[in-house]
C-alpha atoms as a PDB file:
ATOM      1  CA  UNK A   1     -35.124  59.616  16.869  1.00  0.00           C
ATOM      2  CA  UNK A   2     -35.039  60.928  20.425  1.00  0.00           C
ATOM      3  CA  UNK A   3     -35.100  58.247  23.097  1.00  0.00           C
ATOM      4  CA  UNK A   4     -37.427  58.556  26.057  1.00  0.00           C
ATOM      5  CA  UNK A   5     -36.527  57.605  29.588  1.00  0.00           C
ATOM      6  CA  UNK A   6     -38.685  54.458  29.281  1.00  0.00           C
ATOM      7  CA  UNK A   7     -36.281  53.205  26.597  1.00  0.00           C
ATOM      8  CA  UNK A   8     -33.392  53.204  29.063  1.00  0.00           C
ATOM      9  CA  UNK A   9     -35.533  51.774  31.860  1.00  0.00           C
ATOM     10  CA  UNK A  10     -36.598  48.820  29.705  1.00  0.00           C
ATOM     11  CA  UNK A  11     -33.062  48.274  28.439  1.00  0.00           C
ATOM     12  CA  UNK A  12     -31.577  48.243  31.947  1.00  0.00           C
ATOM     13  CA  UNK A  13     -34.426  46.037  33.191  1.00  0.00           C
ATOM     14  CA  UNK A  14     -33.826  43.410  30.483  1.00  0.00           C
ATOM     15  CA  UNK A  15     -30.063  43.536  31.046  1.00  0.00           C
ATOM     16  CA  UNK A  16     -30.500  42.863  34.773  1.00  0.00           C
ATOM     17  CA  UNK A  17     -33.166  40.224  34.088  1.00  0.00           C
ATOM     18  CA  UNK A  18     -30.890  38.313  31.710  1.00  0.00           C
ATOM     19  CA  UNK A  19     -28.034  38.560  34.207  1.00  0.00           C
ATOM     20  CA  UNK A  20     -30.142  37.218  37.081  1.00  0.00           C
ATOM     21  CA  UNK A  21     -31.719  34.418  35.023  1.00  0.00           C
ATOM     22  CA  UNK A  22     -28.370  33.304  33.611  1.00  0.00           C
ATOM     23  CA  UNK A  23     -26.698  33.401  37.029  1.00  0.00           C
ATOM     24  CA  UNK A  24     -29.515  31.420  38.616  1.00  0.00           C
ATOM     25  CA  UNK A  25     -29.402  28.779  35.878  1.00  0.00           C
ATOM     26  CA  UNK A  26     -25.610  28.528  36.104  1.00  0.00           C
ATOM     27  CA  UNK A  27     -25.633  28.057  39.878  1.00  0.00           C
ATOM     28  CA  UNK A  28     -28.573  25.626  39.740  1.00  0.00           C
ATOM     29  CA  UNK A  29     -26.811  23.462  37.144  1.00  0.00           C
ATOM     30  CA  UNK A  30     -23.734  23.371  39.361  1.00  0.00           C
ATOM     31  CA  UNK A  31     -25.793  22.247  42.364  1.00  0.00           C
ATOM     32  CA  UNK A  32     -27.565  19.566  40.313  1.00  0.00           C
ATOM     33  CA  UNK A  33     -24.229  18.121  39.228  1.00  0.00           C
ATOM     34  CA  UNK A  34     -22.725  18.308  42.728  1.00  0.00           C
ATOM     35  CA  UNK A  35     -25.714  16.381  44.062  1.00  0.00           C
ATOM     36  CA  UNK A  36     -25.434  13.724  41.317  1.00  0.00           C
ATOM     37  CA  UNK A  37     -28.901  14.576  39.987  1.00  0.00           C
ATOM     38  CA  UNK A  38     -27.921  14.558  36.316  1.00  0.00           C
ATOM     39  CA  UNK A  39     -28.708  11.026  35.177  1.00  0.00           C
ATOM     40  CA  UNK A  40     -31.859  10.811  37.298  1.00  0.00           C
ATOM     41  CA  UNK A  41     -33.102  14.404  37.822  1.00  0.00           C
ATOM     42  CA  UNK A  42     -36.289  14.994  39.739  1.00  0.00           C
ATOM     43  CA  UNK A  43     -39.367  16.302  37.939  1.00  0.00           C
ATOM     44  CA  UNK A  44     -39.046  19.532  39.908  1.00  0.00           C
ATOM     45  CA  UNK A  45     -35.427  20.092  38.784  1.00  0.00           C
ATOM     46  CA  UNK A  46     -36.298  19.181  35.203  1.00  0.00           C
ATOM     47  CA  UNK A  47     -39.221  21.622  35.169  1.00  0.00           C
ATOM     48  CA  UNK A  48     -37.290  24.426  36.845  1.00  0.00           C
ATOM     49  CA  UNK A  49     -34.445  24.248  34.302  1.00  0.00           C
ATOM     50  CA  UNK A  50     -36.921  24.254  31.403  1.00  0.00           C
ATOM     51  CA  UNK A  51     -38.819  27.253  32.775  1.00  0.00           C
ATOM     52  CA  UNK A  52     -35.613  29.168  33.459  1.00  0.00           C
ATOM     53  CA  UNK A  53     -34.153  28.656  29.990  1.00  0.00           C
ATOM     54  CA  UNK A  54     -37.495  29.607  28.381  1.00  0.00           C
ATOM     55  CA  UNK A  55     -37.467  32.836  30.404  1.00  0.00           C
ATOM     56  CA  UNK A  56     -33.936  33.546  29.143  1.00  0.00           C
ATOM     57  CA  UNK A  57     -35.075  32.954  25.555  1.00  0.00           C
ATOM     58  CA  UNK A  58     -38.039  35.302  26.026  1.00  0.00           C
ATOM     59  CA  UNK A  59     -35.911  38.050  27.621  1.00  0.00           C
ATOM     60  CA  UNK A  60     -33.471  37.826  24.716  1.00  0.00           C
ATOM     61  CA  UNK A  61     -36.281  38.328  22.221  1.00  0.00           C
ATOM     62  CA  UNK A  62     -37.679  41.314  24.125  1.00  0.00           C
ATOM     63  CA  UNK A  63     -34.322  43.075  23.833  1.00  0.00           C
ATOM     64  CA  UNK A  64     -35.202  43.653  20.164  1.00  0.00           C
ATOM     65  CA  UNK A  65     -36.575  47.061  21.191  1.00  0.00           C
ATOM     66  CA  UNK A  66     -33.004  48.269  21.828  1.00  0.00           C
ATOM     67  CA  UNK A  67     -31.354  46.819  18.699  1.00  0.00           C
ATOM     68  CA  UNK A  68     -30.283  49.953  16.861  1.00  0.00           C
ATOM     69  CA  UNK A  69     -26.564  50.461  16.152  1.00  0.00           C
ATOM     70  CA  UNK A  70     -24.317  48.382  18.414  1.00  0.00           C
ATOM     71  CA  UNK A  71     -26.248  48.152  21.684  1.00  0.00           C
ATOM     72  CA  UNK A  72     -27.338  44.569  21.048  1.00  0.00           C
ATOM     73  CA  UNK A  73     -23.710  43.409  21.309  1.00  0.00           C
ATOM     74  CA  UNK A  74     -23.783  44.486  24.951  1.00  0.00           C
ATOM     75  CA  UNK A  75     -27.399  43.784  25.782  1.00  0.00           C
ATOM     76  CA  UNK A  76     -27.407  40.070  24.918  1.00  0.00           C
ATOM     77  CA  UNK A  77     -23.878  38.556  25.165  1.00  0.00           C
ATOM     78  CA  UNK A  78     -22.624  40.478  28.215  1.00  0.00           C
ATOM     79  CA  UNK A  79     -25.297  39.605  30.840  1.00  0.00           C
ATOM     80  CA  UNK A  80     -25.575  35.984  29.680  1.00  0.00           C
ATOM     81  CA  UNK A  81     -21.787  35.555  29.751  1.00  0.00           C
ATOM     82  CA  UNK A  82     -21.522  37.158  33.191  1.00  0.00           C
ATOM     83  CA  UNK A  83     -24.313  34.890  34.443  1.00  0.00           C
ATOM     84  CA  UNK A  84     -22.633  31.804  33.013  1.00  0.00           C
ATOM     85  CA  UNK A  85     -19.293  32.611  34.625  1.00  0.00           C
ATOM     86  CA  UNK A  86     -20.917  33.440  37.972  1.00  0.00           C
ATOM     87  CA  UNK A  87     -20.917  29.760  38.831  1.00  0.00           C
ATOM     88  CA  UNK A  88     -17.236  29.394  37.884  1.00  0.00           C
ATOM     89  CA  UNK A  89     -15.813  31.768  40.495  1.00  0.00           C
ATOM     90  CA  UNK A  90     -14.354  28.895  42.519  1.00  0.00           C
ATOM     91  CA  UNK A  91     -13.341  26.806  39.508  1.00  0.00           C
ATOM     92  CA  UNK A  92      -9.951  28.377  38.830  1.00  0.00           C
ATOM     93  CA  UNK A  93      -8.821  31.027  36.374  1.00  0.00           C
ATOM     94  CA  UNK A  94      -8.290  28.595  33.483  1.00  0.00           C
ATOM     95  CA  UNK A  95     -11.886  27.393  33.324  1.00  0.00           C
ATOM     96  CA  UNK A  96     -13.251  30.862  34.041  1.00  0.00           C
ATOM     97  CA  UNK A  97     -11.219  32.407  31.205  1.00  0.00           C
ATOM     98  CA  UNK A  98     -12.027  29.669  28.651  1.00  0.00           C
ATOM     99  CA  UNK A  99     -15.772  29.681  29.295  1.00  0.00           C
ATOM    100  CA  UNK A 100     -15.975  33.468  29.389  1.00  0.00           C
ATOM    101  CA  UNK A 101     -14.177  33.934  26.077  1.00  0.00           C
ATOM    102  CA  UNK A 102     -15.976  31.025  24.416  1.00  0.00           C
ATOM    103  CA  UNK A 103     -19.468  32.111  25.442  1.00  0.00           C
ATOM    104  CA  UNK A 104     -18.786  35.753  24.610  1.00  0.00           C
ATOM    105  CA  UNK A 105     -17.499  34.937  21.120  1.00  0.00           C
ATOM    106  CA  UNK A 106     -20.287  32.464  20.328  1.00  0.00           C
ATOM    107  CA  UNK A 107     -23.018  34.806  21.535  1.00  0.00           C
ATOM    108  CA  UNK A 108     -21.496  37.826  19.764  1.00  0.00           C
ATOM    109  CA  UNK A 109     -21.363  35.869  16.506  1.00  0.00           C
ATOM    110  CA  UNK A 110     -24.973  34.732  16.899  1.00  0.00           C
ATOM    111  CA  UNK A 111     -26.047  38.337  17.575  1.00  0.00           C
ATOM    112  CA  UNK A 112     -24.232  39.478  14.419  1.00  0.00           C
ATOM    113  CA  UNK A 113     -25.879  36.806  12.266  1.00  0.00           C
ATOM    114  CA  UNK A 114     -29.275  37.461  13.855  1.00  0.00           C
ATOM    115  CA  UNK A 115     -29.004  41.195  13.220  1.00  0.00           C
ATOM    116  CA  UNK A 116     -28.177  40.634   9.552  1.00  0.00           C
ATOM    117  CA  UNK A 117     -31.074  38.190   9.166  1.00  0.00           C
ATOM    118  CA  UNK A 118     -33.462  40.578  10.948  1.00  0.00           C
ATOM    119  CA  UNK A 119     -32.687  43.325   8.445  1.00  0.00           C
ATOM    120  CA  UNK A 120     -33.587  41.042   5.533  1.00  0.00           C
ATOM    121  CA  UNK A 121     -37.145  40.428   6.759  1.00  0.00           C
ATOM    122  CA  UNK A 122     -39.978  42.872   6.167  1.00  0.00           C
ATOM    123  CA  UNK A 123     -41.827  41.706   9.287  1.00  0.00           C
ATOM    124  CA  UNK A 124     -40.547  40.689  12.704  1.00  0.00           C
ATOM    125  CA  UNK A 125     -40.725  36.900  13.194  1.00  0.00           C
ATOM    126  CA  UNK A 126     -39.202  36.084  16.618  1.00  0.00           C
ATOM    127  CA  UNK A 127     -38.997  32.325  16.084  1.00  0.00           C
ATOM    128  CA  UNK A 128     -37.017  32.754  12.872  1.00  0.00           C
ATOM    129  CA  UNK A 129     -34.932  35.750  13.855  1.00  0.00           C
ATOM    130  CA  UNK A 130     -33.846  34.569  17.322  1.00  0.00           C
ATOM    131  CA  UNK A 131     -33.442  30.903  16.447  1.00  0.00           C
ATOM    132  CA  UNK A 132     -29.652  31.231  16.242  1.00  0.00           C
ATOM    133  CA  UNK A 133     -29.210  33.214  19.466  1.00  0.00           C
ATOM    134  CA  UNK A 134     -31.450  30.998  21.562  1.00  0.00           C
ATOM    135  CA  UNK A 135     -29.874  27.781  20.338  1.00  0.00           C
ATOM    136  CA  UNK A 136     -26.401  29.209  20.890  1.00  0.00           C
ATOM    137  CA  UNK A 137     -27.401  30.145  24.443  1.00  0.00           C
ATOM    138  CA  UNK A 138     -28.594  26.603  25.125  1.00  0.00           C
ATOM    139  CA  UNK A 139     -25.412  25.213  23.570  1.00  0.00           C
ATOM    140  CA  UNK A 140     -23.195  27.357  25.816  1.00  0.00           C
ATOM    141  CA  UNK A 141     -25.092  26.307  28.948  1.00  0.00           C
ATOM    142  CA  UNK A 142     -24.795  22.648  27.881  1.00  0.00           C
ATOM    143  CA  UNK A 143     -21.009  23.115  27.543  1.00  0.00           C
ATOM    144  CA  UNK A 144     -21.004  24.698  30.996  1.00  0.00           C
ATOM    145  CA  UNK A 145     -22.837  21.674  32.448  1.00  0.00           C
ATOM    146  CA  UNK A 146     -20.315  19.342  30.814  1.00  0.00           C
ATOM    147  CA  UNK A 147     -17.411  21.279  32.320  1.00  0.00           C
ATOM    148  CA  UNK A 148     -19.084  21.284  35.738  1.00  0.00           C
ATOM    149  CA  UNK A 149     -19.386  17.500  35.488  1.00  0.00           C
ATOM    150  CA  UNK A 150     -15.766  17.049  34.468  1.00  0.00           C
ATOM    151  CA  UNK A 151     -14.574  19.235  37.352  1.00  0.00           C
ATOM    152  CA  UNK A 152     -16.732  17.310  39.806  1.00  0.00           C
ATOM    153  CA  UNK A 153     -15.185  13.963  38.811  1.00  0.00           C
ATOM    154  CA  UNK A 154     -11.720  14.826  37.468  1.00  0.00           C
ATOM    155  CA  UNK A 155      -9.988  13.950  40.757  1.00  0.00           C
ATOM    156  CA  UNK A 156     -11.762  10.633  40.964  1.00  0.00           C
ATOM    157  CA  UNK A 157      -9.738   8.235  43.164  1.00  0.00           C
ATOM    158  CA  UNK A 158     -10.848   4.852  44.465  1.00  0.00           C
ATOM    159  CA  UNK A 159     -12.178   6.221  47.762  1.00  0.00           C
ATOM    160  CA  UNK A 160     -14.139   9.002  46.083  1.00  0.00           C
ATOM    161  CA  UNK A 161     -15.394   6.606  43.421  1.00  0.00           C
ATOM    162  CA  UNK A 162     -16.641   4.208  46.097  1.00  0.00           C
ATOM    163  CA  UNK A 163     -18.382   7.099  47.868  1.00  0.00           C
ATOM    164  CA  UNK A 164     -20.089   8.142  44.623  1.00  0.00           C
ATOM    165  CA  UNK A 165     -21.135   4.555  43.893  1.00  0.00           C
ATOM    166  CA  UNK A 166     -22.448   4.127  47.450  1.00  0.00           C
ATOM    167  CA  UNK A 167     -24.474   7.335  47.126  1.00  0.00           C
ATOM    168  CA  UNK A 168     -25.847   6.153  43.787  1.00  0.00           C
ATOM    169  CA  UNK A 169     -26.813   2.740  45.191  1.00  0.00           C
ATOM    170  CA  UNK A 170     -28.482   4.359  48.219  1.00  0.00           C
ATOM    171  CA  UNK A 171     -30.493   6.642  45.934  1.00  0.00           C
ATOM    172  CA  UNK A 172     -31.581   3.964  43.482  1.00  0.00           C
ATOM    173  CA  UNK A 173     -31.813   0.841  45.668  1.00  0.00           C
ATOM    174  CA  UNK A 174     -35.292   1.439  47.048  1.00  0.00           C
ATOM    175  CA  UNK A 175     -36.800   2.358  43.673  1.00  0.00           C
ATOM    176  CA  UNK A 176     -35.010  -0.039  41.314  1.00  0.00           C
ATOM    177  CA  UNK A 177     -32.944  -2.832  42.867  1.00  0.00           C
ATOM    178  CA  UNK A 178     -35.082  -3.770  45.877  1.00  0.00           C
ATOM    179  CA  UNK A 179     -38.346  -4.264  43.932  1.00  0.00           C
ATOM    180  CA  UNK A 180     -36.520  -6.537  41.475  1.00  0.00           C
ATOM    181  CA  UNK A 181     -35.048  -8.583  44.288  1.00  0.00           C
ATOM    182  CA  UNK A 182     -38.358  -8.821  46.158  1.00  0.00           C
ATOM    183  CA  UNK A 183     -40.153  -9.823  42.984  1.00  0.00           C
ATOM    184  CA  UNK A 184     -37.771 -12.726  42.542  1.00  0.00           C
ATOM    185  CA  UNK A 185     -37.868 -13.823  46.195  1.00  0.00           C
ATOM    186  CA  UNK A 186     -41.518 -13.394  47.175  1.00  0.00           C
ATOM    187  CA  UNK A 187     -42.700 -16.677  45.585  1.00  0.00           C
ATOM    188  CA  UNK A 188     -40.136 -18.917  47.235  1.00  0.00           C
ATOM    189  CA  UNK A 189     -41.248 -22.310  48.545  1.00  0.00           C
ATOM    190  CA  UNK A 190     -38.023 -23.712  49.957  1.00  0.00           C
ATOM    191  CA  UNK A 191     -34.262 -23.618  50.015  1.00  0.00           C
ATOM    192  CA  UNK A 192     -33.986 -25.129  46.517  1.00  0.00           C
ATOM    193  CA  UNK A 193     -36.255 -22.458  45.027  1.00  0.00           C
ATOM    194  CA  UNK A 194     -34.312 -19.784  46.897  1.00  0.00           C
ATOM    195  CA  UNK A 195     -31.051 -21.024  45.418  1.00  0.00           C
ATOM    196  CA  UNK A 196     -32.567 -21.103  41.924  1.00  0.00           C
ATOM    197  CA  UNK A 197     -33.971 -17.588  42.236  1.00  0.00           C
ATOM    198  CA  UNK A 198     -30.691 -16.200  43.534  1.00  0.00           C
ATOM    199  CA  UNK A 199     -28.893 -17.831  40.602  1.00  0.00           C
ATOM    200  CA  UNK A 200     -31.473 -16.272  38.290  1.00  0.00           C
ATOM    201  CA  UNK A 201     -30.832 -12.812  39.744  1.00  0.00           C
ATOM    202  CA  UNK A 202     -27.119 -13.358  39.307  1.00  0.00           C
ATOM    203  CA  UNK A 203     -27.589 -14.358  35.655  1.00  0.00           C
ATOM    204  CA  UNK A 204     -30.056 -11.571  34.780  1.00  0.00           C
ATOM    205  CA  UNK A 205     -28.599  -8.645  36.717  1.00  0.00           C
ATOM    206  CA  UNK A 206     -25.061  -9.728  37.599  1.00  0.00           C
ATOM    207  CA  UNK A 207     -25.584  -9.479  41.363  1.00  0.00           C
ATOM    208  CA  UNK A 208     -24.604 -12.393  43.609  1.00  0.00           C
ATOM    209  CA  UNK A 209     -26.945 -12.482  46.611  1.00  0.00           C
ATOM    210  CA  UNK A 210     -25.916 -15.930  47.869  1.00  0.00           C
ATOM    211  CA  UNK A 211     -24.043 -14.545  50.935  1.00  0.00           C
ATOM    212  CA  UNK A 212     -27.399 -13.399  52.312  1.00  0.00           C
ATOM    213  CA  UNK A 213     -29.271 -16.730  52.243  1.00  0.00           C
ATOM    214  CA  UNK A 214     -29.305 -16.943  56.029  1.00  0.00           C
ATOM    215  CA  UNK A 215     -30.090 -13.285  56.749  1.00  0.00           C
ATOM    216  CA  UNK A 216     -33.046 -12.840  59.045  1.00  0.00           C
ATOM    217  CA  UNK A 217     -33.234  -9.079  59.653  1.00  0.00           C
ATOM    218  CA  UNK A 218     -34.679  -7.123  56.692  1.00  0.00           C
ATOM    219  CA  UNK A 219     -32.732  -3.955  57.498  1.00  0.00           C
ATOM    220  CA  UNK A 220     -29.462  -5.844  57.819  1.00  0.00           C
ATOM    221  CA  UNK A 221     -30.240  -7.689  54.598  1.00  0.00           C
ATOM    222  CA  UNK A 222     -30.798  -4.408  52.740  1.00  0.00           C
ATOM    223  CA  UNK A 223     -27.542  -2.996  54.056  1.00  0.00           C
ATOM    224  CA  UNK A 224     -25.663  -6.163  53.125  1.00  0.00           C
ATOM    225  CA  UNK A 225     -27.145  -6.187  49.648  1.00  0.00           C
ATOM    226  CA  UNK A 226     -26.193  -2.519  49.161  1.00  0.00           C
ATOM    227  CA  UNK A 227     -22.645  -3.241  50.295  1.00  0.00           C
ATOM    228  CA  UNK A 228     -22.467  -6.219  47.948  1.00  0.00           C
ATOM    229  CA  UNK A 229     -23.780  -4.112  45.052  1.00  0.00           C
ATOM    230  CA  UNK A 230     -21.171  -1.426  45.733  1.00  0.00           C
ATOM    231  CA  UNK A 231     -18.395  -4.039  45.822  1.00  0.00           C
ATOM    232  CA  UNK A 232     -19.467  -5.628  42.565  1.00  0.00           C
ATOM    233  CA  UNK A 233     -19.996  -2.292  40.764  1.00  0.00           C
ATOM    234  CA  UNK A 234     -16.573  -1.127  41.973  1.00  0.00           C
ATOM    235  CA  UNK A 235     -15.055  -4.274  40.521  1.00  0.00           C
ATOM    236  CA  UNK A 236     -16.636  -3.523  37.155  1.00  0.00           C
ATOM    237  CA  UNK A 237     -15.631   0.113  36.825  1.00  0.00           C
ATOM    238  CA  UNK A 238     -12.310   0.345  38.710  1.00  0.00           C
ATOM    239  CA  UNK A 239     -10.186  -0.506  35.618  1.00  0.00           C
ATOM    240  CA  UNK A 240     -11.968   2.183  33.591  1.00  0.00           C
ATOM    241  CA  UNK A 241     -12.300   4.965  36.155  1.00  0.00           C
ATOM    242  CA  UNK A 242     -10.022   7.334  34.200  1.00  0.00           C
ATOM    243  CA  UNK A 243     -12.616   7.359  31.427  1.00  0.00           C
ATOM    244  CA  UNK A 244     -15.495   8.249  33.757  1.00  0.00           C
ATOM    245  CA  UNK A 245     -15.046  12.070  33.963  1.00  0.00           C
ATOM    246  CA  UNK A 246     -14.964  12.679  30.169  1.00  0.00           C
ATOM    247  CA  UNK A 247     -17.712  10.128  29.571  1.00  0.00           C
ATOM    248  CA  UNK A 248     -19.985  11.728  32.168  1.00  0.00           C
ATOM    249  CA  UNK A 249     -19.202  15.164  30.724  1.00  0.00           C
ATOM    250  CA  UNK A 250     -20.343  14.056  27.267  1.00  0.00           C
ATOM    251  CA  UNK A 251     -23.473  12.440  28.685  1.00  0.00           C
ATOM    252  CA  UNK A 252     -24.284  15.590  30.650  1.00  0.00           C
ATOM    253  CA  UNK A 253     -23.725  17.797  27.596  1.00  0.00           C
ATOM    254  CA  UNK A 254     -26.007  15.591  25.481  1.00  0.00           C
ATOM    255  CA  UNK A 255     -28.671  15.485  28.203  1.00  0.00           C
ATOM    256  CA  UNK A 256     -28.842  19.272  28.493  1.00  0.00           C
ATOM    257  CA  UNK A 257     -28.811  19.706  24.738  1.00  0.00           C
ATOM    258  CA  UNK A 258     -31.903  17.500  24.707  1.00  0.00           C
ATOM    259  CA  UNK A 259     -33.430  19.417  27.614  1.00  0.00           C
ATOM    260  CA  UNK A 260     -32.789  22.800  26.003  1.00  0.00           C
ATOM    261  CA  UNK A 261     -34.230  21.454  22.748  1.00  0.00           C
ATOM    262  CA  UNK A 262     -37.482  20.712  24.568  1.00  0.00           C
ATOM    263  CA  UNK A 263     -37.354  24.189  26.120  1.00  0.00           C
ATOM    264  CA  UNK A 264     -36.841  25.795  22.720  1.00  0.00           C
ATOM    265  CA  UNK A 265     -39.846  23.933  21.322  1.00  0.00           C
ATOM    266  CA  UNK A 266     -42.027  25.203  24.189  1.00  0.00           C
ATOM    267  CA  UNK A 267     -40.597  28.682  23.635  1.00  0.00           C
ATOM    268  CA  UNK A 268     -41.719  28.628  19.985  1.00  0.00           C
ATOM    269  CA  UNK A 269     -45.281  27.897  21.123  1.00  0.00           C
ATOM    270  CA  UNK A 270     -45.339  30.912  23.459  1.00  0.00           C
ATOM    271  CA  UNK A 271     -43.306  33.658  21.858  1.00  0.00           C
ATOM    272  CA  UNK A 272     -45.715  34.850  19.137  1.00  0.00           C
ATOM    273  CA  UNK A 273     -48.466  35.451  21.677  1.00  0.00           C
ATOM    274  CA  UNK A 274     -46.048  37.190  24.057  1.00  0.00           C
ATOM    275  CA  UNK A 275     -44.853  39.537  21.315  1.00  0.00           C
ATOM    276  CA  UNK A 276     -48.457  40.422  20.447  1.00  0.00           C
ATOM    277  CA  UNK A 277     -49.113  41.109  24.129  1.00  0.00           C
ATOM    278  CA  UNK A 278     -45.937  43.220  24.413  1.00  0.00           C
ATOM    279  CA  UNK A 279     -47.145  45.336  21.489  1.00  0.00           C
ATOM    280  CA  UNK A 280     -50.597  45.803  22.980  1.00  0.00           C
ATOM    281  CA  UNK A 281     -49.273  47.039  26.330  1.00  0.00           C
ATOM    282  CA  UNK A 282     -46.739  49.275  24.522  1.00  0.00           C
ATOM    283  CA  UNK A 283     -43.719  47.489  25.926  1.00  0.00           C
ATOM    284  CA  UNK A 284     -42.656  47.211  22.275  1.00  0.00           C
ATOM    285  CA  UNK A 285     -43.589  49.969  19.844  1.00  0.00           C
ATOM    286  CA  UNK A 286     -44.175  49.318  16.152  1.00  0.00           C
ATOM    287  CA  UNK A 287     -42.537  51.667  13.677  1.00  0.00           C
ATOM    288  CA  UNK A 288     -43.210  51.201   9.952  1.00  0.00           C
ATOM    289  CA  UNK A 289     -40.808  52.389   7.246  1.00  0.00           C
ATOM    290  CA  UNK A 290     -40.750  52.067   3.474  1.00  0.00           C
ATOM    291  CA  UNK A 291     -38.194  49.694   2.023  1.00  0.00           C
ATOM    292  CA  UNK A 292     -37.137  48.483  -1.404  1.00  0.00           C
ATOM    293  CA  UNK A 293     -36.901  44.774  -2.042  1.00  0.00           C
ATOM    294  CA  UNK A 294     -34.295  43.327  -4.393  1.00  0.00           C
ATOM    295  CA  UNK A 295     -35.669  40.659  -6.742  1.00  0.00           C
ATOM    296  CA  UNK A 296     -33.443  38.794  -9.204  1.00  0.00           C
ATOM    297  CA  UNK A 297     -34.872  37.569 -12.537  1.00  0.00           C
ATOM    298  CA  UNK A 298     -33.623  36.363 -15.889  1.00  0.00           C
END
């Protein structure tokens, strides 16, 4: 069948789209991890990542119009792999090489299995056919996020650890710690009650606030409490700091696996309607052929 110029235009468009989406997601994940926004991401970051991965899933499905002989092995794995490794340019050759080869092999295998499954079905079902590719794509990006996290914390010394803990306390103090402290202190009726409440805070949350009994300036008190929290947290985690980078990497990987799972679920709700729309506007053309089905019986 002779190919029209629109075939090449659509193919190139989807290739570039996948490359741009993958690169943007890779760079955005790196920035999230650098800014310590993994354990407590903002709603905006959470939503942006979900939307971006759904767009990647949709673009991968739309490439079905160019799946003929071997083109799909270039059209899906290559742009996604290039986008993934775009964020690893400054990470050293070792990480760049490992992630590039790993993502390329995993995506190529998923394309092979998807192509074989597609040929077994009499009708195109995007949720079934592209299940393997889309989940593999999410898996590779989750691995990438885990590696980003490990790189960000692998050289963790005491000074850097204290800086990270201080940044964490500054971010979370106003929303979490301060309301708990104020809740315990706002009903005080004397020095005895103050001592009892401070002991209660120490028992419940492990934070000793007794050095601040005589503080009179709220701002100074907040700063002193933050410093005390940093000191106590440092005392807890200093003996185990060598385990922090791999532990955070695993947590990050699991978090993004969960996030991409939510994205895949939303993708399944949208894709059937988008395929119908793509057929109606002739972005995808329907060609019907006669086939023979093999049925095994006794």
